[in-house]
Amino acid sequence: MADIRERSPLRPFPEVHGLGLRLTSWDVGSEEHVETWLRGLTDPDFLRWNTPLRLVGDRESARESLRSKVEAAESGTGMTFRITDAASGATLGSISLNELSLALRVTRVGYWVLPEARGHRVAARALALAAHFAFTDLGLHRVELGHALGHDVSCRVAERCGFRYEGTLRGAMFEAGRQDAFRDVHLHARIATDPEPAIPSPSA
């Protein structure tokens, strides 16, 4: 196998298909995409469990936030996919490979799902697709997932997709809505040699 650092797997931005979903790119020039990004990052459930370094509260800040994700893909340090329904093309949420290092063959995944798309295992299906892409197309060895302590839904999604619980990281995440207080994080991970989990279905 060629040295992973000699490849250019992030350009052009890939699409990933399967499990009734299509993972594709976000377009910072699309007002619809910017509005959806704003809606996702201002959703109360998202804000309960996440505190971005730069808060998003209007279209302009949403556009800048989305632009930073596009730039991460261009620099090879991250990939953020728009989760869409394969049949209708409707946007369902977002899933990112953050802190991506092709040299170290590791990344940390994060995701959110729009309120109207919840209850159909969108996050689990998207995570299964993104992990498979990371291990096969990118040649990564380790994919991590961290969530705030108490976020039981995220815990179940991680375990359903074969991300084993590895421990609790003390004070590793901001408290909700604050950048002067911290909370603990559950760390899950999969490595390339772990068995492939059963494919989640929308109705299972």
Protein backbone atom coordinates (compact mmCIF):
# COMPACT_ATOMS: atom_id res chain seq x y z
CA MET A 1 0.00 0.00 0.00
CA ALA A 2 1.30 3.46 -0.90
CA ASP A 3 2.22 5.85 1.87
CA ILE A 4 -1.06 7.51 2.98
CA ARG A 5 0.69 10.89 3.00
CA GLU A 6 1.27 10.62 -0.75
CA ARG A 7 -2.43 10.42 -1.50
CA SER A 8 -4.91 13.26 -1.94
CA PRO A 9 -8.11 11.62 -0.62
CA LEU A 10 -9.75 14.93 0.34
CA ARG A 11 -9.73 16.46 -3.15
CA PRO A 12 -12.08 16.45 -4.85
CA PHE A 13 -14.37 16.17 -1.84
CA PRO A 14 -15.76 12.61 -1.88
CA GLU A 15 -19.31 11.35 -1.57
CA VAL A 16 -20.19 8.33 0.53
CA HIS A 17 -23.31 6.29 -0.20
CA GLY A 18 -25.13 3.57 1.72
CA LEU A 19 -27.68 2.68 4.41
CA GLY A 20 -30.24 4.98 2.80
CA LEU A 21 -27.95 8.00 3.14
CA ARG A 22 -25.59 10.06 1.05
CA LEU A 23 -22.74 11.91 2.74
CA THR A 24 -21.74 14.85 0.59
CA SER A 25 -20.18 18.31 0.79
CA TRP A 26 -21.52 21.52 2.26
CA ASP A 27 -21.59 24.59 0.00
CA VAL A 28 -20.70 27.80 1.83
CA GLY A 29 -22.12 29.75 -1.13
CA SER A 30 -25.57 28.18 -0.73
CA GLU A 31 -27.99 30.21 1.39
CA GLU A 32 -29.97 27.05 2.04
CA HIS A 33 -26.89 25.27 3.37
CA VAL A 34 -25.92 28.23 5.55
CA GLU A 35 -29.45 28.43 6.96
CA THR A 36 -29.44 24.68 7.72
CA TRP A 37 -26.01 24.97 9.36
CA LEU A 38 -27.31 27.85 11.49
CA ARG A 39 -30.37 25.84 12.48
CA GLY A 40 -28.25 22.84 13.45
CA LEU A 41 -25.80 24.81 15.59
CA THR A 42 -28.49 26.83 17.37
CA ASP A 43 -30.73 23.84 18.14
CA PRO A 44 -31.29 23.63 21.94
CA ASP A 45 -30.36 19.95 22.05
CA PHE A 46 -27.08 20.65 20.22
CA LEU A 47 -26.25 23.49 22.62
CA ARG A 48 -27.05 21.31 25.62
CA TRP A 49 -24.19 18.99 24.73
CA ASN A 50 -21.79 21.20 22.76
CA THR A 51 -20.13 24.57 23.30
CA PRO A 52 -18.30 25.69 20.14
CA LEU A 53 -15.21 27.88 20.52
CA ARG A 54 -16.91 30.46 18.33
CA LEU A 55 -20.62 30.69 18.96
CA VAL A 56 -22.95 30.77 15.98
CA GLY A 57 -26.01 32.98 16.30
CA ASP A 58 -26.77 34.50 12.91
CA ARG A 59 -26.26 33.88 9.20
CA GLU A 60 -22.90 35.62 9.04
CA SER A 61 -21.39 33.66 11.92
CA ALA A 62 -22.90 30.47 10.48
CA ARG A 63 -21.29 31.22 7.12
CA GLU A 64 -17.89 31.77 8.77
CA SER A 65 -18.26 28.57 10.79
CA LEU A 66 -19.15 26.58 7.69
CA ARG A 67 -16.30 28.20 5.75
CA SER A 68 -13.85 27.01 8.41
CA LYS A 69 -15.04 23.44 7.81
CA VAL A 70 -14.51 23.81 4.05
CA GLU A 71 -11.03 25.22 4.66
CA ALA A 72 -10.19 22.27 6.94
CA ALA A 73 -10.94 19.90 4.08
CA GLU A 74 -8.80 21.98 1.73
CA SER A 75 -5.89 21.86 4.21
CA GLY A 76 -6.36 18.15 4.92
CA THR A 77 -7.07 18.59 8.63
CA GLY A 78 -10.75 17.67 8.64
CA MET A 79 -13.78 16.63 6.62
CA THR A 80 -17.36 17.69 7.26
CA PHE A 81 -20.10 15.83 5.42
CA ARG A 82 -23.68 16.95 4.89
CA ILE A 83 -25.89 13.98 5.79
CA THR A 84 -28.68 13.68 3.23
CA ASP A 85 -31.49 11.25 2.55
CA ALA A 86 -30.47 9.15 -0.45
CA ALA A 87 -33.97 9.18 -1.95
CA SER A 88 -35.15 12.75 -1.40
CA GLY A 89 -31.85 14.61 -1.07
CA ALA A 90 -33.12 16.35 2.07
CA THR A 91 -30.45 17.47 4.54
CA LEU A 92 -30.67 15.47 7.77
CA GLY A 93 -27.60 16.66 9.68
CA SER A 94 -23.82 16.79 9.63
CA ILE A 95 -20.92 14.49 10.48
CA SER A 96 -17.27 15.52 10.71
CA LEU A 97 -13.87 13.88 10.83
CA ASN A 98 -12.10 16.39 13.07
CA GLU A 99 -8.44 16.69 14.08
CA LEU A 100 -7.69 14.51 11.08
CA SER A 101 -4.08 13.35 10.75
CA LEU A 102 -3.30 11.21 7.74
CA ALA A 103 0.28 10.86 8.99
CA LEU A 104 -0.79 9.50 12.40
CA ARG A 105 -3.83 7.80 10.82
CA VAL A 106 -6.28 9.07 13.44
CA THR A 107 -9.33 11.34 13.62
CA ARG A 108 -12.13 12.29 16.04
CA VAL A 109 -15.69 12.17 14.78
CA GLY A 110 -18.54 14.53 15.69
CA TYR A 111 -22.10 14.80 14.41
CA TRP A 112 -25.50 16.40 14.83
CA VAL A 113 -28.94 15.59 13.43
CA LEU A 114 -31.76 18.02 12.73
CA PRO A 115 -34.81 17.68 15.02
CA GLU A 116 -37.14 16.48 12.24
CA ALA A 117 -34.71 13.68 11.31
CA ARG A 118 -34.33 12.20 14.78
CA GLY A 119 -35.76 8.82 15.67
CA HIS A 120 -34.64 7.14 12.42
CA ARG A 121 -31.10 6.15 13.38
CA VAL A 122 -29.62 8.80 11.13
CA ALA A 123 -26.65 9.37 13.45
CA ALA A 124 -25.86 5.65 13.70
CA ARG A 125 -26.11 5.09 9.96
CA ALA A 126 -24.01 8.17 9.20
CA LEU A 127 -21.41 7.14 11.78
CA ALA A 128 -21.19 3.64 10.31
CA LEU A 129 -20.64 5.11 6.83
CA ALA A 130 -18.10 7.70 7.99
CA ALA A 131 -16.13 5.14 9.98
CA HIS A 132 -16.03 2.73 7.04
CA PHE A 133 -14.82 5.56 4.79
CA ALA A 134 -12.16 6.55 7.32
CA PHE A 135 -10.77 3.03 7.59
CA THR A 136 -10.97 2.05 3.94
CA ASP A 137 -10.64 5.18 1.79
CA LEU A 138 -8.43 7.20 4.14
CA GLY A 139 -6.52 4.23 5.53
CA LEU A 140 -6.89 5.43 9.12
CA HIS A 141 -6.06 3.17 12.04
CA ARG A 142 -8.08 4.84 14.82
CA VAL A 143 -11.33 6.81 14.93
CA GLU A 144 -12.31 8.40 18.24
CA LEU A 145 -15.66 9.71 19.48
CA GLY A 146 -16.09 11.84 22.60
CA HIS A 147 -19.35 12.98 24.18
CA ALA A 148 -20.31 14.81 27.33
CA LEU A 149 -20.96 12.64 30.36
CA GLY A 150 -24.71 12.02 30.57
CA HIS A 151 -25.34 12.17 26.83
CA ASP A 152 -26.85 8.69 26.76
CA VAL A 153 -28.11 8.93 23.18
CA SER A 154 -24.61 9.56 21.87
CA CYS A 155 -23.31 6.74 24.05
CA ARG A 156 -25.78 4.31 22.49
CA VAL A 157 -24.96 5.48 18.96
CA ALA A 158 -21.24 4.96 19.59
CA GLU A 159 -21.70 1.47 21.02
CA ARG A 160 -24.13 0.46 18.27
CA CYS A 161 -21.47 1.34 15.70
CA GLY A 162 -18.70 -0.60 17.40
CA PHE A 163 -17.03 2.31 19.23
CA ARG A 164 -15.94 0.81 22.53
CA TYR A 165 -15.99 2.85 25.71
CA GLU A 166 -12.36 3.46 26.68
CA GLY A 167 -12.66 5.71 29.71
CA THR A 168 -13.72 9.06 31.13
CA LEU A 169 -11.66 12.17 30.38
CA ARG A 170 -11.86 14.57 33.31
CA GLY A 171 -12.78 18.16 32.49
CA ALA A 172 -12.20 17.65 28.77
CA MET A 173 -15.16 19.67 27.45
CA PHE A 174 -16.76 23.03 28.17
CA GLU A 175 -19.95 23.07 30.20
CA ALA A 176 -23.05 23.95 28.19
CA GLY A 177 -22.98 27.61 27.22
CA ARG A 178 -19.80 28.36 29.18
CA GLN A 179 -16.11 28.60 28.43
CA ASP A 180 -15.02 29.06 32.05
CA ALA A 181 -16.20 25.69 33.38
CA PHE A 182 -15.61 22.13 32.27
CA ARG A 183 -17.28 18.73 32.31
CA ASP A 184 -16.18 15.15 31.85
CA VAL A 185 -16.21 13.30 28.54
CA HIS A 186 -16.78 9.67 27.67
CA LEU A 187 -14.17 8.50 25.16
CA HIS A 188 -15.12 5.80 22.65
CA ALA A 189 -13.01 4.52 19.77
CA ARG A 190 -12.71 1.98 17.00
CA ILE A 191 -9.50 0.78 15.40
CA ALA A 192 -9.13 -0.70 11.96
CA THR A 193 -8.73 -4.25 13.26
CA ASP A 194 -11.98 -4.21 15.26
CA PRO A 195 -14.79 -6.36 13.82
CA GLU A 196 -17.28 -4.57 11.60
CA PRO A 197 -20.52 -3.99 13.56
CA ALA A 198 -23.93 -5.03 12.30
CA ILE A 199 -25.32 -2.45 9.88
CA PRO A 200 -27.98 -0.32 11.65
CA SER A 201 -31.28 0.13 9.85
CA PRO A 202 -33.71 3.08 10.08
CA SER A 203 -36.39 1.02 11.78
CA ALA A 204 -34.35 -1.41 13.90
